[in-house]
Amino acid sequence: MFKKFTLTDKLLFVAAMLSLIYSEILFFNGNSDQAIFIGLWVPSILCFGMYLKIINKKSND
């Protein structure tokens, strides 16, 4: 399944998962404002990965 993903895809996915986990840890430790701030990084990281995919696909055509 992961053979289709490049190294960049894997790194961005790991970064998104780590920020999600860190956000949850902060939230359950009582730092809800910081947790929300870090949690907002997840969709931004994933959208950046999609942007890179689109740019690479257009440059290969």
PDB file of N, CA and C in Angstrom:
ATOM      1  N   MET A   1       0.812  -1.199   0.000  1.00  0.00           N
ATOM      2  CA  MET A   1       0.000   0.000   0.000  1.00  0.00           C
ATOM      3  C   MET A   1       0.855   1.263   0.000  1.00  0.00           C
ATOM      4  N   PHE A   2       1.918   1.267   0.791  1.00  0.00           N
ATOM      5  CA  PHE A   2       2.744   2.466   0.903  1.00  0.00           C
ATOM      6  C   PHE A   2       3.792   2.556  -0.197  1.00  0.00           C
ATOM      7  N   LYS A   3       3.811   1.603  -1.132  1.00  0.00           N
ATOM      8  CA  LYS A   3       4.792   1.639  -2.208  1.00  0.00           C
ATOM      9  C   LYS A   3       4.528   2.782  -3.181  1.00  0.00           C
ATOM     10  N   LYS A   4       3.288   3.260  -3.238  1.00  0.00           N
ATOM     11  CA  LYS A   4       2.929   4.347  -4.150  1.00  0.00           C
ATOM     12  C   LYS A   4       3.370   5.707  -3.631  1.00  0.00           C
ATOM     13  N   PHE A   5       3.681   5.798  -2.358  1.00  0.00           N
ATOM     14  CA  PHE A   5       4.041   7.069  -1.752  1.00  0.00           C
ATOM     15  C   PHE A   5       5.537   7.326  -1.866  1.00  0.00           C
ATOM     16  N   THR A   6       5.883   8.572  -2.122  1.00  0.00           N
ATOM     17  CA  THR A   6       7.293   8.958  -2.159  1.00  0.00           C
ATOM     18  C   THR A   6       7.765   9.263  -0.743  1.00  0.00           C
ATOM     19  N   LEU A   7       9.044   9.517  -0.616  1.00  0.00           N
ATOM     20  CA  LEU A   7       9.606   9.852   0.694  1.00  0.00           C
ATOM     21  C   LEU A   7       8.989  11.140   1.229  1.00  0.00           C
ATOM     22  N   THR A   8       8.761  12.102   0.358  1.00  0.00           N
ATOM     23  CA  THR A   8       8.143  13.365   0.768  1.00  0.00           C
ATOM     24  C   THR A   8       6.741  13.139   1.307  1.00  0.00           C
ATOM     25  N   ASP A   9       5.972  12.282   0.633  1.00  0.00           N
ATOM     26  CA  ASP A   9       4.620  11.973   1.092  1.00  0.00           C
ATOM     27  C   ASP A   9       4.640  11.356   2.484  1.00  0.00           C
ATOM     28  N   LYS A  10       5.557  10.431   2.679  1.00  0.00           N
ATOM     29  CA  LYS A  10       5.663   9.759   3.975  1.00  0.00           C
ATOM     30  C   LYS A  10       6.064  10.735   5.077  1.00  0.00           C
ATOM     31  N   LEU A  11       7.015  11.623   4.782  1.00  0.00           N
ATOM     32  CA  LEU A  11       7.457  12.590   5.787  1.00  0.00           C
ATOM     33  C   LEU A  11       6.352  13.568   6.169  1.00  0.00           C
ATOM     34  N   LEU A  12       5.598  14.029   5.175  1.00  0.00           N
ATOM     35  CA  LEU A  12       4.488  14.939   5.467  1.00  0.00           C
ATOM     36  C   LEU A  12       3.399  14.243   6.267  1.00  0.00           C
ATOM     37  N   PHE A  13       3.138  12.977   5.957  1.00  0.00           N
ATOM     38  CA  PHE A  13       2.141  12.218   6.709  1.00  0.00           C
ATOM     39  C   PHE A  13       2.589  12.031   8.157  1.00  0.00           C
ATOM     40  N   VAL A  14       3.860  11.709   8.354  1.00  0.00           N
ATOM     41  CA  VAL A  14       4.393  11.551   9.708  1.00  0.00           C
ATOM     42  C   VAL A  14       4.331  12.873  10.467  1.00  0.00           C
ATOM     43  N   ALA A  15       4.648  13.974   9.796  1.00  0.00           N
ATOM     44  CA  ALA A  15       4.579  15.294  10.444  1.00  0.00           C
ATOM     45  C   ALA A  15       3.152  15.616  10.862  1.00  0.00           C
ATOM     46  N   ALA A  16       2.185  15.295  10.015  1.00  0.00           N
ATOM     47  CA  ALA A  16       0.784  15.549  10.352  1.00  0.00           C
ATOM     48  C   ALA A  16       0.349  14.691  11.535  1.00  0.00           C
ATOM     49  N   MET A  17       0.742  13.427  11.545  1.00  0.00           N
ATOM     50  CA  MET A  17       0.369  12.545  12.652  1.00  0.00           C
ATOM     51  C   MET A  17       1.028  12.973  13.960  1.00  0.00           C
ATOM     52  N   LEU A  18       2.287  13.372  13.884  1.00  0.00           N
ATOM     53  CA  LEU A  18       2.969  13.820  15.100  1.00  0.00           C
ATOM     54  C   LEU A  18       2.341  15.088  15.664  1.00  0.00           C
ATOM     55  N   SER A  19       1.941  16.006  14.798  1.00  0.00           N
ATOM     56  CA  SER A  19       1.301  17.224  15.309  1.00  0.00           C
ATOM     57  C   SER A  19      -0.071  16.905  15.891  1.00  0.00           C
ATOM     58  N   LEU A  20      -0.775  15.941  15.322  1.00  0.00           N
ATOM     59  CA  LEU A  20      -2.064  15.530  15.884  1.00  0.00           C
ATOM     60  C   LEU A  20      -1.881  14.901  17.262  1.00  0.00           C
ATOM     61  N   ILE A  21      -0.919  14.029  17.388  1.00  0.00           N
ATOM     62  CA  ILE A  21      -0.661  13.373  18.679  1.00  0.00           C
ATOM     63  C   ILE A  21      -0.212  14.391  19.717  1.00  0.00           C
ATOM     64  N   TYR A  22       0.678  15.291  19.317  1.00  0.00           N
ATOM     65  CA  TYR A  22       1.150  16.318  20.253  1.00  0.00           C
ATOM     66  C   TYR A  22       0.003  17.227  20.679  1.00  0.00           C
ATOM     67  N   SER A  23      -0.887  17.541  19.758  1.00  0.00           N
ATOM     68  CA  SER A  23      -2.050  18.356  20.078  1.00  0.00           C
ATOM     69  C   SER A  23      -2.946  17.667  21.104  1.00  0.00           C
ATOM     70  N   GLU A  24      -3.149  16.377  20.928  1.00  0.00           N
ATOM     71  CA  GLU A  24      -3.980  15.632  21.881  1.00  0.00           C
ATOM     72  C   GLU A  24      -3.324  15.564  23.253  1.00  0.00           C
ATOM     73  N   ILE A  25      -2.014  15.394  23.283  1.00  0.00           N
ATOM     74  CA  ILE A  25      -1.299  15.372  24.566  1.00  0.00           C
ATOM     75  C   ILE A  25      -1.450  16.712  25.275  1.00  0.00           C
ATOM     76  N   LEU A  26      -1.289  17.799  24.534  1.00  0.00           N
ATOM     77  CA  LEU A  26      -1.456  19.121  25.138  1.00  0.00           C
ATOM     78  C   LEU A  26      -2.873  19.323  25.654  1.00  0.00           C
ATOM     79  N   PHE A  27      -3.857  18.889  24.889  1.00  0.00           N
ATOM     80  CA  PHE A  27      -5.253  19.079  25.282  1.00  0.00           C
ATOM     81  C   PHE A  27      -5.566  18.333  26.579  1.00  0.00           C
ATOM     82  N   PHE A  28      -5.118  17.090  26.673  1.00  0.00           N
ATOM     83  CA  PHE A  28      -5.423  16.306  27.865  1.00  0.00           C
ATOM     84  C   PHE A  28      -4.586  16.712  29.069  1.00  0.00           C
ATOM     85  N   ASN A  29      -3.548  17.494  28.846  1.00  0.00           N
ATOM     86  CA  ASN A  29      -2.775  18.039  29.955  1.00  0.00           C
ATOM     87  C   ASN A  29      -3.276  19.414  30.395  1.00  0.00           C
ATOM     88  N   GLY A  30      -4.352  19.901  29.773  1.00  0.00           N
ATOM     89  CA  GLY A  30      -4.963  21.146  30.202  1.00  0.00           C
ATOM     90  C   GLY A  30      -4.556  22.373  29.420  1.00  0.00           C
ATOM     91  N   ASN A  31      -3.768  22.231  28.392  1.00  0.00           N
ATOM     92  CA  ASN A  31      -3.342  23.367  27.573  1.00  0.00           C
ATOM     93  C   ASN A  31      -4.195  23.430  26.313  1.00  0.00           C
ATOM     94  N   SER A  32      -5.461  23.748  26.478  1.00  0.00           N
ATOM     95  CA  SER A  32      -6.379  23.655  25.343  1.00  0.00           C
ATOM     96  C   SER A  32      -6.093  24.690  24.254  1.00  0.00           C
ATOM     97  N   ASP A  33      -5.675  25.890  24.614  1.00  0.00           N
ATOM     98  CA  ASP A  33      -5.368  26.897  23.591  1.00  0.00           C
ATOM     99  C   ASP A  33      -4.185  26.474  22.725  1.00  0.00           C
ATOM    100  N   GLN A  34      -3.149  25.985  23.365  1.00  0.00           N
ATOM    101  CA  GLN A  34      -1.990  25.512  22.605  1.00  0.00           C
ATOM    102  C   GLN A  34      -2.343  24.282  21.775  1.00  0.00           C
ATOM    103  N   ALA A  35      -3.185  23.422  22.306  1.00  0.00           N
ATOM    104  CA  ALA A  35      -3.586  22.216  21.582  1.00  0.00           C
ATOM    105  C   ALA A  35      -4.364  22.563  20.327  1.00  0.00           C
ATOM    106  N   ILE A  36      -5.236  23.541  20.413  1.00  0.00           N
ATOM    107  CA  ILE A  36      -6.002  23.960  19.236  1.00  0.00           C
ATOM    108  C   ILE A  36      -5.066  24.558  18.191  1.00  0.00           C
ATOM    109  N   PHE A  37      -4.104  25.353  18.633  1.00  0.00           N
ATOM    110  CA  PHE A  37      -3.151  25.955  17.709  1.00  0.00           C
ATOM    111  C   PHE A  37      -2.344  24.881  16.969  1.00  0.00           C
ATOM    112  N   ILE A  38      -1.825  23.913  17.705  1.00  0.00           N
ATOM    113  CA  ILE A  38      -1.044  22.835  17.083  1.00  0.00           C
ATOM    114  C   ILE A  38      -1.950  21.958  16.227  1.00  0.00           C
ATOM    115  N   GLY A  39      -3.182  21.723  16.664  1.00  0.00           N
ATOM    116  CA  GLY A  39      -4.116  20.896  15.907  1.00  0.00           C
ATOM    117  C   GLY A  39      -4.472  21.497  14.560  1.00  0.00           C
ATOM    118  N   LEU A  40      -4.402  22.805  14.442  1.00  0.00           N
ATOM    119  CA  LEU A  40      -4.686  23.451  13.162  1.00  0.00           C
ATOM    120  C   LEU A  40      -3.573  23.232  12.136  1.00  0.00           C
ATOM    121  N   TRP A  41      -2.432  22.760  12.578  1.00  0.00           N
ATOM    122  CA  TRP A  41      -1.349  22.483  11.644  1.00  0.00           C
ATOM    123  C   TRP A  41      -1.636  21.259  10.787  1.00  0.00           C
ATOM    124  N   VAL A  42      -2.405  20.311  11.317  1.00  0.00           N
ATOM    125  CA  VAL A  42      -2.625  19.039  10.615  1.00  0.00           C
ATOM    126  C   VAL A  42      -3.212  19.246   9.220  1.00  0.00           C
ATOM    127  N   PRO A  43      -4.347  19.941   9.078  1.00  0.00           N
ATOM    128  CA  PRO A  43      -4.864  20.122   7.718  1.00  0.00           C
ATOM    129  C   PRO A  43      -3.947  20.977   6.851  1.00  0.00           C
ATOM    130  N   SER A  44      -3.212  21.896   7.461  1.00  0.00           N
ATOM    131  CA  SER A  44      -2.278  22.721   6.686  1.00  0.00           C
ATOM    132  C   SER A  44      -1.148  21.874   6.111  1.00  0.00           C
ATOM    133  N   ILE A  45      -0.620  20.971   6.902  1.00  0.00           N
ATOM    134  CA  ILE A  45       0.452  20.092   6.436  1.00  0.00           C
ATOM    135  C   ILE A  45      -0.061  19.186   5.321  1.00  0.00           C
ATOM    136  N   LEU A  46      -1.248  18.612   5.506  1.00  0.00           N
ATOM    137  CA  LEU A  46      -1.801  17.721   4.488  1.00  0.00           C
ATOM    138  C   LEU A  46      -2.131  18.468   3.197  1.00  0.00           C
ATOM    139  N   CYS A  47      -2.632  19.682   3.314  1.00  0.00           N
ATOM    140  CA  CYS A  47      -2.911  20.485   2.110  1.00  0.00           C
ATOM    141  C   CYS A  47      -1.628  20.861   1.389  1.00  0.00           C
ATOM    142  N   PHE A  48      -0.572  21.126   2.137  1.00  0.00           N
ATOM    143  CA  PHE A  48       0.720  21.415   1.523  1.00  0.00           C
ATOM    144  C   PHE A  48       1.220  20.203   0.738  1.00  0.00           C
ATOM    145  N   GLY A  49       1.011  19.012   1.287  1.00  0.00           N
ATOM    146  CA  GLY A  49       1.382  17.794   0.577  1.00  0.00           C
ATOM    147  C   GLY A  49       0.590  17.617  -0.704  1.00  0.00           C
ATOM    148  N   MET A  50      -0.704  17.936  -0.669  1.00  0.00           N
ATOM    149  CA  MET A  50      -1.521  17.853  -1.873  1.00  0.00           C
ATOM    150  C   MET A  50      -1.058  18.877  -2.902  1.00  0.00           C
ATOM    151  N   TYR A  51      -0.705  20.052  -2.452  1.00  0.00           N
ATOM    152  CA  TYR A  51      -0.192  21.095  -3.344  1.00  0.00           C
ATOM    153  C   TYR A  51       1.085  20.627  -4.044  1.00  0.00           C
ATOM    154  N   LEU A  52       1.983  20.012  -3.279  1.00  0.00           N
ATOM    155  CA  LEU A  52       3.220  19.511  -3.880  1.00  0.00           C
ATOM    156  C   LEU A  52       2.934  18.439  -4.923  1.00  0.00           C
ATOM    157  N   LYS A  53       1.955  17.576  -4.643  1.00  0.00           N
ATOM    158  CA  LYS A  53       1.578  16.532  -5.608  1.00  0.00           C
ATOM    159  C   LYS A  53       1.060  17.161  -6.911  1.00  0.00           C
ATOM    160  N   ILE A  54       0.231  18.183  -6.775  1.00  0.00           N
ATOM    161  CA  ILE A  54      -0.337  18.832  -7.962  1.00  0.00           C
ATOM    162  C   ILE A  54       0.758  19.509  -8.774  1.00  0.00           C
ATOM    163  N   ILE A  55       1.665  20.197  -8.098  1.00  0.00           N
ATOM    164  CA  ILE A  55       2.755  20.884  -8.797  1.00  0.00           C
ATOM    165  C   ILE A  55       3.643  19.868  -9.519  1.00  0.00           C
ATOM    166  N   ASN A  56       3.977  18.770  -8.858  1.00  0.00           N
ATOM    167  CA  ASN A  56       4.823  17.750  -9.490  1.00  0.00           C
ATOM    168  C   ASN A  56       4.121  17.086 -10.652  1.00  0.00           C
ATOM    169  N   LYS A  57       2.824  16.883 -10.536  1.00  0.00           N
ATOM    170  CA  LYS A  57       2.075  16.237 -11.615  1.00  0.00           C
ATOM    171  C   LYS A  57       2.023  17.142 -12.844  1.00  0.00           C
ATOM    172  N   LYS A  58       1.828  18.448 -12.629  1.00  0.00           N
ATOM    173  CA  LYS A  58       1.768  19.384 -13.755  1.00  0.00           C
ATOM    174  C   LYS A  58       3.132  19.550 -14.421  1.00  0.00           C
ATOM    175  N   SER A  59       4.204  19.495 -13.646  1.00  0.00           N
ATOM    176  CA  SER A  59       5.529  19.662 -14.230  1.00  0.00           C
ATOM    177  C   SER A  59       5.948  18.415 -15.018  1.00  0.00           C
ATOM    178  N   ASN A  60       5.391  17.248 -14.687  1.00  0.00           N
ATOM    179  CA  ASN A  60       5.716  16.013 -15.402  1.00  0.00           C
ATOM    180  C   ASN A  60       4.936  15.889 -16.701  1.00  0.00           C
ATOM    181  N   ASP A  61       3.846  16.616 -16.848  1.00  0.00           N
ATOM    182  CA  ASP A  61       3.026  16.527 -18.072  1.00  0.00           C
ATOM    183  C   ASP A  61       3.600  17.278 -19.227  1.00  0.00           C
TER     184      ASP A  61
END
